[in-house]
Amino acid sequence: MTPEDRRTDPPLVADEAATILGFLEYQRRTLEWKCADLTPEQLATRAVPTSEVTLLGLVRHVAAVEVGWLVGFGGLPVDMWPEVIRDDDEHWRVDPATVTAGDVEAARATSRAVAAGVQRVAARLSLDTVDRPWGRDDAFSLRWILVHLVEEYARHNGHADLVREALDGVTGE
């Protein structure tokens, strides 16, 4: 049975920042929905044996991506961000035999803290703010980064759809 869909649609009429943040939040809630009502073992199970992708790995990965793009952005304090797994290989290393409910809750808590950090960035900086995240040579606007995060979640939510269906047959929209 498909879990209850508790997502809130992005605003139909709003300014640019509220629209982008609304879509980002909708994509975050979509990933939560794809992970709802599963055991820690299911969340840590590879749906495709040749792939490292697990639902828990996806949750950990997108939190790290958000932090990676925005930590220290626009001169904001680095310590406003939670610790995330920065090693890309480590995002996916989840053993279904040893994963616990605590591991799952820790990933969810980190995801919520990261979302709050993004809200603080958006409240303090203009979408036109430009910086060089991740030590890159190229400069990016906050607008570009937030739109990219929407794209990152949307892409991985497609993966989550396939993983969830392979785990228990549940499909979403």
N, C-alpha and C. Protein backbone atom coordinates (compact mmCIF):
# COMPACT_ATOMS: atom_id res chain seq x y z
N MET A 1 0.84 -1.17 0.00
CA MET A 1 0.00 0.00 0.00
C MET A 1 0.89 1.24 0.00
N THR A 2 0.54 2.22 -0.81
CA THR A 2 1.29 3.45 -0.91
C THR A 2 1.14 4.26 0.38
N PRO A 3 2.28 4.76 0.93
CA PRO A 3 2.18 5.58 2.14
C PRO A 3 1.35 6.85 1.88
N GLU A 4 0.79 7.39 2.96
CA GLU A 4 0.02 8.63 2.84
C GLU A 4 0.91 9.74 2.31
N ASP A 5 0.41 10.46 1.33
CA ASP A 5 1.15 11.57 0.72
C ASP A 5 0.86 12.84 1.51
N ARG A 6 1.84 13.29 2.26
CA ARG A 6 1.68 14.48 3.10
C ARG A 6 2.41 15.69 2.53
N ARG A 7 2.80 15.60 1.29
CA ARG A 7 3.51 16.72 0.69
C ARG A 7 2.58 17.91 0.49
N THR A 8 3.18 19.10 0.50
CA THR A 8 2.45 20.32 0.20
C THR A 8 2.95 20.82 -1.15
N ASP A 9 2.04 21.08 -2.06
CA ASP A 9 2.43 21.58 -3.37
C ASP A 9 3.15 22.91 -3.24
N PRO A 10 4.10 23.17 -4.14
CA PRO A 10 4.74 24.49 -4.16
C PRO A 10 3.69 25.57 -4.45
N PRO A 11 3.97 26.80 -4.04
CA PRO A 11 2.99 27.86 -4.26
C PRO A 11 2.75 28.10 -5.75
N LEU A 12 1.50 28.35 -6.08
CA LEU A 12 1.15 28.65 -7.47
C LEU A 12 1.45 30.11 -7.81
N VAL A 13 1.38 30.96 -6.80
CA VAL A 13 1.67 32.39 -6.98
C VAL A 13 2.55 32.81 -5.82
N ALA A 14 3.77 33.22 -6.12
CA ALA A 14 4.71 33.66 -5.09
C ALA A 14 5.88 34.36 -5.77
N ASP A 15 6.71 35.00 -4.97
CA ASP A 15 7.90 35.60 -5.56
C ASP A 15 8.88 34.48 -5.95
N GLU A 16 9.95 34.87 -6.60
CA GLU A 16 10.90 33.88 -7.13
C GLU A 16 11.51 33.00 -6.05
N ALA A 17 11.96 33.60 -4.96
CA ALA A 17 12.60 32.82 -3.90
C ALA A 17 11.61 31.82 -3.29
N ALA A 18 10.41 32.27 -2.99
CA ALA A 18 9.41 31.38 -2.40
C ALA A 18 9.04 30.26 -3.36
N THR A 19 8.99 30.54 -4.65
CA THR A 19 8.68 29.51 -5.64
C THR A 19 9.78 28.45 -5.69
N ILE A 20 11.03 28.90 -5.79
CA ILE A 20 12.15 27.95 -5.86
C ILE A 20 12.22 27.12 -4.57
N LEU A 21 12.14 27.80 -3.42
CA LEU A 21 12.21 27.08 -2.15
C LEU A 21 11.01 26.15 -1.97
N GLY A 22 9.86 26.54 -2.50
CA GLY A 22 8.68 25.67 -2.44
C GLY A 22 8.89 24.39 -3.24
N PHE A 23 9.49 24.52 -4.42
CA PHE A 23 9.78 23.33 -5.23
C PHE A 23 10.85 22.47 -4.57
N LEU A 24 11.86 23.10 -3.97
CA LEU A 24 12.91 22.34 -3.29
C LEU A 24 12.31 21.55 -2.12
N GLU A 25 11.47 22.20 -1.33
CA GLU A 25 10.84 21.51 -0.20
C GLU A 25 9.94 20.38 -0.68
N TYR A 26 9.23 20.60 -1.76
CA TYR A 26 8.36 19.56 -2.32
C TYR A 26 9.20 18.34 -2.73
N GLN A 27 10.34 18.57 -3.33
CA GLN A 27 11.21 17.45 -3.73
C GLN A 27 11.78 16.74 -2.51
N ARG A 28 12.15 17.49 -1.47
CA ARG A 28 12.61 16.85 -0.23
C ARG A 28 11.52 15.95 0.35
N ARG A 29 10.30 16.47 0.42
CA ARG A 29 9.18 15.69 0.98
C ARG A 29 8.87 14.49 0.09
N THR A 30 9.10 14.61 -1.21
CA THR A 30 8.90 13.46 -2.10
C THR A 30 9.86 12.33 -1.73
N LEU A 31 11.12 12.66 -1.47
CA LEU A 31 12.06 11.62 -1.06
C LEU A 31 11.64 11.01 0.27
N GLU A 32 11.20 11.82 1.21
CA GLU A 32 10.70 11.27 2.47
C GLU A 32 9.54 10.31 2.23
N TRP A 33 8.64 10.70 1.36
CA TRP A 33 7.47 9.88 1.02
C TRP A 33 7.91 8.53 0.44
N LYS A 34 8.91 8.56 -0.42
CA LYS A 34 9.41 7.32 -1.03
C LYS A 34 10.02 6.39 0.02
N CYS A 35 10.48 6.97 1.14
CA CYS A 35 11.12 6.19 2.20
C CYS A 35 10.15 5.80 3.32
N ALA A 36 8.95 6.30 3.28
CA ALA A 36 8.00 6.11 4.38
C ALA A 36 7.59 4.65 4.55
N ASP A 37 7.38 4.26 5.78
CA ASP A 37 6.84 2.95 6.15
C ASP A 37 7.74 1.78 5.77
N LEU A 38 9.03 2.02 5.62
CA LEU A 38 9.98 0.94 5.35
C LEU A 38 10.84 0.70 6.58
N THR A 39 11.30 -0.51 6.73
CA THR A 39 12.18 -0.86 7.84
C THR A 39 13.59 -0.33 7.55
N PRO A 40 14.42 -0.20 8.58
CA PRO A 40 15.81 0.18 8.33
C PRO A 40 16.49 -0.76 7.33
N GLU A 41 16.20 -2.04 7.45
CA GLU A 41 16.80 -3.01 6.52
C GLU A 41 16.38 -2.73 5.08
N GLN A 42 15.09 -2.45 4.86
CA GLN A 42 14.63 -2.13 3.51
C GLN A 42 15.28 -0.86 2.99
N LEU A 43 15.39 0.15 3.84
CA LEU A 43 15.99 1.42 3.43
C LEU A 43 17.46 1.25 3.05
N ALA A 44 18.10 0.22 3.58
CA ALA A 44 19.52 -0.03 3.32
C ALA A 44 19.74 -1.10 2.26
N THR A 45 18.69 -1.58 1.64
CA THR A 45 18.80 -2.66 0.67
C THR A 45 18.98 -2.12 -0.74
N ARG A 46 19.94 -2.69 -1.44
CA ARG A 46 20.11 -2.37 -2.86
C ARG A 46 18.99 -3.05 -3.62
N ALA A 47 18.31 -2.29 -4.43
CA ALA A 47 17.22 -2.87 -5.22
C ALA A 47 17.76 -3.52 -6.49
N VAL A 48 18.91 -3.05 -6.92
CA VAL A 48 19.57 -3.58 -8.11
C VAL A 48 20.96 -4.03 -7.67
N PRO A 49 21.27 -5.31 -7.75
CA PRO A 49 22.53 -5.82 -7.21
C PRO A 49 23.78 -5.12 -7.75
N THR A 50 23.73 -4.62 -8.97
CA THR A 50 24.91 -3.98 -9.55
C THR A 50 25.05 -2.51 -9.17
N SER A 51 24.10 -1.98 -8.41
CA SER A 51 24.10 -0.57 -8.03
C SER A 51 24.32 -0.43 -6.53
N GLU A 52 25.00 0.64 -6.12
CA GLU A 52 25.19 0.95 -4.71
C GLU A 52 23.99 1.69 -4.14
N VAL A 53 23.04 2.10 -4.98
CA VAL A 53 21.95 2.97 -4.55
C VAL A 53 20.99 2.26 -3.61
N THR A 54 20.78 2.91 -2.47
CA THR A 54 19.75 2.51 -1.51
C THR A 54 18.97 3.78 -1.16
N LEU A 55 17.79 3.61 -0.61
CA LEU A 55 17.02 4.79 -0.22
C LEU A 55 17.72 5.56 0.90
N LEU A 56 18.28 4.86 1.88
CA LEU A 56 19.01 5.54 2.94
C LEU A 56 20.23 6.25 2.38
N GLY A 57 20.90 5.62 1.44
CA GLY A 57 22.04 6.26 0.78
C GLY A 57 21.64 7.53 0.05
N LEU A 58 20.48 7.51 -0.59
CA LEU A 58 19.99 8.72 -1.27
C LEU A 58 19.74 9.85 -0.28
N VAL A 59 19.13 9.54 0.85
CA VAL A 59 18.87 10.57 1.87
C VAL A 59 20.19 11.18 2.32
N ARG A 60 21.17 10.35 2.59
CA ARG A 60 22.48 10.84 3.04
C ARG A 60 23.17 11.64 1.93
N HIS A 61 23.06 11.18 0.71
CA HIS A 61 23.72 11.83 -0.42
C HIS A 61 23.19 13.24 -0.66
N VAL A 62 21.86 13.39 -0.74
CA VAL A 62 21.33 14.72 -1.06
C VAL A 62 21.58 15.71 0.07
N ALA A 63 21.62 15.26 1.31
CA ALA A 63 21.99 16.17 2.41
C ALA A 63 23.41 16.67 2.21
N ALA A 64 24.32 15.78 1.85
CA ALA A 64 25.70 16.18 1.61
C ALA A 64 25.82 17.13 0.41
N VAL A 65 25.02 16.90 -0.61
CA VAL A 65 25.05 17.78 -1.79
C VAL A 65 24.60 19.19 -1.41
N GLU A 66 23.51 19.29 -0.64
CA GLU A 66 23.04 20.62 -0.23
C GLU A 66 24.11 21.34 0.58
N VAL A 67 24.71 20.65 1.54
CA VAL A 67 25.75 21.27 2.35
C VAL A 67 26.94 21.64 1.48
N GLY A 68 27.32 20.75 0.58
CA GLY A 68 28.48 21.01 -0.27
C GLY A 68 28.34 22.27 -1.10
N TRP A 69 27.15 22.52 -1.59
CA TRP A 69 26.94 23.72 -2.39
C TRP A 69 26.85 24.98 -1.56
N LEU A 70 26.42 24.87 -0.31
CA LEU A 70 26.09 26.09 0.43
C LEU A 70 26.91 26.36 1.69
N VAL A 71 27.73 25.42 2.14
CA VAL A 71 28.50 25.67 3.34
C VAL A 71 29.43 26.86 3.10
N GLY A 72 29.33 27.87 3.95
CA GLY A 72 30.16 29.06 3.83
C GLY A 72 29.76 29.99 2.70
N PHE A 73 28.71 29.66 1.96
CA PHE A 73 28.31 30.48 0.80
C PHE A 73 27.97 31.89 1.25
N GLY A 74 28.40 32.86 0.48
CA GLY A 74 28.09 34.26 0.77
C GLY A 74 28.68 34.76 2.07
N GLY A 75 29.72 34.07 2.55
CA GLY A 75 30.36 34.48 3.78
C GLY A 75 29.61 34.10 5.05
N LEU A 76 28.57 33.30 4.91
CA LEU A 76 27.82 32.89 6.10
C LEU A 76 28.64 31.89 6.92
N PRO A 77 28.39 31.81 8.22
CA PRO A 77 29.20 30.95 9.08
C PRO A 77 29.14 29.47 8.67
N VAL A 78 30.28 28.86 8.68
CA VAL A 78 30.37 27.44 8.34
C VAL A 78 29.70 26.58 9.40
N ASP A 79 29.73 27.04 10.65
CA ASP A 79 29.21 26.21 11.76
C ASP A 79 27.68 26.17 11.83
N MET A 80 26.98 26.78 10.88
CA MET A 80 25.52 26.70 10.89
C MET A 80 25.02 25.41 10.25
N TRP A 81 25.94 24.59 9.80
CA TRP A 81 25.58 23.36 9.10
C TRP A 81 25.85 22.13 9.95
N PRO A 82 24.99 21.11 9.83
CA PRO A 82 25.26 19.86 10.55
C PRO A 82 26.37 19.08 9.85
N GLU A 83 26.94 18.15 10.58
CA GLU A 83 27.92 17.25 9.97
C GLU A 83 27.20 16.31 9.00
N VAL A 84 27.78 16.12 7.84
CA VAL A 84 27.24 15.17 6.87
C VAL A 84 28.37 14.27 6.40
N ILE A 85 28.01 13.18 5.79
CA ILE A 85 29.01 12.28 5.22
C ILE A 85 29.47 12.91 3.91
N ARG A 86 30.72 13.33 3.87
CA ARG A 86 31.22 14.03 2.69
C ARG A 86 31.86 13.10 1.67
N ASP A 87 32.26 11.93 2.09
CA ASP A 87 32.86 10.95 1.18
C ASP A 87 31.75 10.34 0.34
N ASP A 88 31.77 10.61 -0.95
CA ASP A 88 30.68 10.17 -1.83
C ASP A 88 30.48 8.66 -1.78
N ASP A 89 31.57 7.91 -1.68
CA ASP A 89 31.42 6.45 -1.59
C ASP A 89 30.73 6.06 -0.29
N GLU A 90 30.99 6.81 0.77
CA GLU A 90 30.44 6.48 2.08
C GLU A 90 28.93 6.73 2.14
N HIS A 91 28.41 7.63 1.30
CA HIS A 91 26.95 7.86 1.28
C HIS A 91 26.22 6.55 1.06
N TRP A 92 26.76 5.74 0.18
CA TRP A 92 26.06 4.55 -0.29
C TRP A 92 26.37 3.32 0.53
N ARG A 93 27.42 3.36 1.35
CA ARG A 93 27.80 2.17 2.12
C ARG A 93 26.86 1.99 3.31
N VAL A 94 25.87 1.19 3.10
CA VAL A 94 24.89 0.90 4.14
C VAL A 94 24.66 -0.60 4.12
N ASP A 95 24.88 -1.24 5.25
CA ASP A 95 24.72 -2.69 5.33
C ASP A 95 23.35 -3.01 5.91
N PRO A 96 22.47 -3.63 5.12
CA PRO A 96 21.14 -3.93 5.63
C PRO A 96 21.15 -4.83 6.87
N ALA A 97 22.21 -5.59 7.05
CA ALA A 97 22.27 -6.50 8.19
C ALA A 97 22.59 -5.78 9.49
N THR A 98 23.21 -4.60 9.40
CA THR A 98 23.63 -3.90 10.62
C THR A 98 22.99 -2.53 10.80
N VAL A 99 22.25 -2.05 9.81
CA VAL A 99 21.63 -0.73 9.93
C VAL A 99 20.57 -0.76 11.03
N THR A 100 20.48 0.34 11.77
CA THR A 100 19.53 0.41 12.87
C THR A 100 18.53 1.55 12.65
N ALA A 101 17.48 1.53 13.46
CA ALA A 101 16.52 2.63 13.43
C ALA A 101 17.22 3.94 13.79
N GLY A 102 18.23 3.87 14.66
CA GLY A 102 19.01 5.06 15.01
C GLY A 102 19.76 5.63 13.82
N ASP A 103 20.30 4.75 12.97
CA ASP A 103 20.98 5.21 11.75
C ASP A 103 20.01 5.96 10.84
N VAL A 104 18.80 5.41 10.72
CA VAL A 104 17.78 6.03 9.86
C VAL A 104 17.36 7.37 10.45
N GLU A 105 17.12 7.41 11.75
CA GLU A 105 16.71 8.68 12.38
C GLU A 105 17.82 9.71 12.28
N ALA A 106 19.07 9.29 12.41
CA ALA A 106 20.18 10.23 12.29
C ALA A 106 20.21 10.84 10.88
N ALA A 107 20.00 10.03 9.87
CA ALA A 107 19.98 10.54 8.49
C ALA A 107 18.81 11.50 8.29
N ARG A 108 17.65 11.17 8.84
CA ARG A 108 16.48 12.04 8.72
C ARG A 108 16.70 13.35 9.47
N ALA A 109 17.28 13.28 10.67
CA ALA A 109 17.54 14.49 11.45
C ALA A 109 18.54 15.39 10.72
N THR A 110 19.56 14.79 10.14
CA THR A 110 20.53 15.57 9.38
C THR A 110 19.85 16.23 8.19
N SER A 111 19.00 15.49 7.51
CA SER A 111 18.28 16.05 6.36
C SER A 111 17.43 17.26 6.78
N ARG A 112 16.74 17.14 7.90
CA ARG A 112 15.92 18.26 8.39
C ARG A 112 16.79 19.45 8.77
N ALA A 113 17.94 19.20 9.40
CA ALA A 113 18.84 20.28 9.79
C ALA A 113 19.43 20.97 8.56
N VAL A 114 19.74 20.20 7.55
CA VAL A 114 20.26 20.78 6.30
C VAL A 114 19.19 21.66 5.66
N ALA A 115 17.96 21.18 5.62
CA ALA A 115 16.87 21.98 5.04
C ALA A 115 16.72 23.30 5.80
N ALA A 116 16.84 23.26 7.11
CA ALA A 116 16.75 24.49 7.91
C ALA A 116 17.92 25.42 7.58
N GLY A 117 19.10 24.85 7.35
CA GLY A 117 20.26 25.66 6.96
C GLY A 117 20.03 26.36 5.63
N VAL A 118 19.46 25.66 4.68
CA VAL A 118 19.16 26.27 3.38
C VAL A 118 18.16 27.41 3.56
N GLN A 119 17.17 27.21 4.41
CA GLN A 119 16.19 28.28 4.69
C GLN A 119 16.90 29.51 5.26
N ARG A 120 17.86 29.29 6.17
CA ARG A 120 18.60 30.42 6.75
C ARG A 120 19.42 31.14 5.69
N VAL A 121 20.05 30.40 4.80
CA VAL A 121 20.81 31.03 3.71
C VAL A 121 19.87 31.87 2.86
N ALA A 122 18.76 31.31 2.46
CA ALA A 122 17.82 32.02 1.58
C ALA A 122 17.22 33.24 2.27
N ALA A 123 17.07 33.20 3.58
CA ALA A 123 16.53 34.35 4.31
C ALA A 123 17.56 35.47 4.45
N ARG A 124 18.84 35.11 4.41
CA ARG A 124 19.89 36.10 4.65
C ARG A 124 20.54 36.63 3.39
N LEU A 125 20.41 35.91 2.29
CA LEU A 125 21.10 36.32 1.06
C LEU A 125 20.12 36.50 -0.09
N SER A 126 20.45 37.39 -0.97
CA SER A 126 19.68 37.58 -2.21
C SER A 126 19.96 36.42 -3.16
N LEU A 127 19.00 36.11 -4.01
CA LEU A 127 19.22 35.10 -5.05
C LEU A 127 20.36 35.51 -5.98
N ASP A 128 20.66 36.79 -6.02
CA ASP A 128 21.73 37.30 -6.89
C ASP A 128 23.11 37.18 -6.26
N THR A 129 23.20 36.73 -5.01
CA THR A 129 24.50 36.55 -4.35
C THR A 129 25.32 35.54 -5.14
N VAL A 130 26.58 35.88 -5.35
CA VAL A 130 27.48 35.02 -6.14
C VAL A 130 28.67 34.63 -5.26
N ASP A 131 29.07 33.38 -5.35
CA ASP A 131 30.22 32.88 -4.59
C ASP A 131 30.79 31.68 -5.34
N ARG A 132 31.90 31.16 -4.82
CA ARG A 132 32.56 30.00 -5.42
C ARG A 132 32.48 28.83 -4.44
N PRO A 133 31.41 28.04 -4.51
CA PRO A 133 31.28 26.92 -3.58
C PRO A 133 32.23 25.78 -3.92
N TRP A 134 32.45 24.93 -2.94
CA TRP A 134 33.28 23.73 -3.10
C TRP A 134 34.68 24.06 -3.60
N GLY A 135 35.14 25.29 -3.37
CA GLY A 135 36.47 25.66 -3.81
C GLY A 135 36.60 25.69 -5.32
N ARG A 136 35.50 25.86 -6.01
CA ARG A 136 35.51 25.85 -7.47
C ARG A 136 36.06 27.16 -8.01
N ASP A 137 36.56 27.10 -9.23
CA ASP A 137 37.01 28.31 -9.92
C ASP A 137 35.82 29.12 -10.41
N ASP A 138 34.74 28.45 -10.77
CA ASP A 138 33.56 29.13 -11.29
C ASP A 138 32.72 29.71 -10.16
N ALA A 139 32.12 30.86 -10.44
CA ALA A 139 31.21 31.48 -9.48
C ALA A 139 29.78 31.10 -9.85
N PHE A 140 28.95 30.93 -8.83
CA PHE A 140 27.55 30.55 -9.01
C PHE A 140 26.68 31.50 -8.22
N SER A 141 25.50 31.78 -8.76
CA SER A 141 24.54 32.57 -7.99
C SER A 141 23.77 31.62 -7.06
N LEU A 142 23.24 32.19 -5.99
CA LEU A 142 22.40 31.41 -5.10
C LEU A 142 21.19 30.88 -5.88
N ARG A 143 20.67 31.66 -6.79
CA ARG A 143 19.54 31.24 -7.62
C ARG A 143 19.90 29.95 -8.37
N TRP A 144 21.06 29.93 -9.02
CA TRP A 144 21.48 28.76 -9.80
C TRP A 144 21.60 27.54 -8.88
N ILE A 145 22.21 27.74 -7.71
CA ILE A 145 22.42 26.61 -6.79
C ILE A 145 21.08 26.04 -6.33
N LEU A 146 20.15 26.90 -5.95
CA LEU A 146 18.85 26.40 -5.47
C LEU A 146 18.10 25.67 -6.57
N VAL A 147 18.14 26.20 -7.79
CA VAL A 147 17.48 25.50 -8.91
C VAL A 147 18.19 24.17 -9.17
N HIS A 148 19.51 24.16 -9.06
CA HIS A 148 20.25 22.92 -9.24
C HIS A 148 19.86 21.89 -8.17
N LEU A 149 19.64 22.34 -6.93
CA LEU A 149 19.22 21.41 -5.88
C LEU A 149 17.85 20.82 -6.16
N VAL A 150 16.94 21.62 -6.73
CA VAL A 150 15.65 21.07 -7.14
C VAL A 150 15.87 19.97 -8.16
N GLU A 151 16.74 20.23 -9.13
CA GLU A 151 17.05 19.23 -10.17
C GLU A 151 17.68 17.98 -9.57
N GLU A 152 18.59 18.17 -8.62
CA GLU A 152 19.27 17.04 -7.97
C GLU A 152 18.27 16.13 -7.26
N TYR A 153 17.38 16.74 -6.49
CA TYR A 153 16.35 15.95 -5.81
C TYR A 153 15.42 15.27 -6.81
N ALA A 154 14.98 16.00 -7.83
CA ALA A 154 14.04 15.43 -8.80
C ALA A 154 14.65 14.21 -9.49
N ARG A 155 15.92 14.32 -9.86
CA ARG A 155 16.61 13.19 -10.51
C ARG A 155 16.68 12.00 -9.56
N HIS A 156 17.10 12.26 -8.33
CA HIS A 156 17.22 11.16 -7.38
C HIS A 156 15.87 10.62 -6.92
N ASN A 157 14.84 11.44 -6.96
CA ASN A 157 13.50 10.93 -6.66
C ASN A 157 13.05 9.92 -7.71
N GLY A 158 13.49 10.10 -8.95
CA GLY A 158 13.22 9.08 -9.97
C GLY A 158 13.90 7.77 -9.62
N HIS A 159 15.14 7.86 -9.13
CA HIS A 159 15.83 6.65 -8.68
C HIS A 159 15.08 6.02 -7.51
N ALA A 160 14.65 6.88 -6.57
CA ALA A 160 13.93 6.38 -5.38
C ALA A 160 12.64 5.66 -5.78
N ASP A 161 11.97 6.17 -6.80
CA ASP A 161 10.76 5.49 -7.30
C ASP A 161 11.07 4.06 -7.71
N LEU A 162 12.14 3.90 -8.46
CA LEU A 162 12.51 2.56 -8.95
C LEU A 162 12.95 1.65 -7.81
N VAL A 163 13.74 2.20 -6.89
CA VAL A 163 14.20 1.40 -5.75
C VAL A 163 13.00 0.96 -4.92
N ARG A 164 12.11 1.88 -4.62
CA ARG A 164 10.94 1.54 -3.80
C ARG A 164 10.09 0.47 -4.47
N GLU A 165 9.85 0.62 -5.75
CA GLU A 165 9.04 -0.37 -6.45
C GLU A 165 9.69 -1.74 -6.42
N ALA A 166 11.03 -1.78 -6.56
CA ALA A 166 11.72 -3.06 -6.52
C ALA A 166 11.68 -3.68 -5.12
N LEU A 167 11.65 -2.83 -4.08
CA LEU A 167 11.64 -3.35 -2.71
C LEU A 167 10.30 -3.96 -2.32
N ASP A 168 9.21 -3.24 -2.59
CA ASP A 168 7.92 -3.73 -2.11
C ASP A 168 6.75 -3.51 -3.06
N GLY A 169 7.07 -3.10 -4.28
CA GLY A 169 6.01 -2.95 -5.29
C GLY A 169 5.25 -1.64 -5.22
N VAL A 170 5.58 -0.79 -4.24
CA VAL A 170 4.86 0.48 -4.10
C VAL A 170 5.36 1.47 -5.14
N THR A 171 4.40 2.09 -5.80
CA THR A 171 4.71 3.11 -6.80
C THR A 171 4.02 4.41 -6.39
N GLY A 172 4.59 5.51 -6.84
CA GLY A 172 4.00 6.82 -6.57
C GLY A 172 3.67 7.49 -7.87
N GLU A 173 3.51 8.79 -7.81
CA GLU A 173 3.14 9.51 -9.03
C GLU A 173 4.28 9.57 -9.99
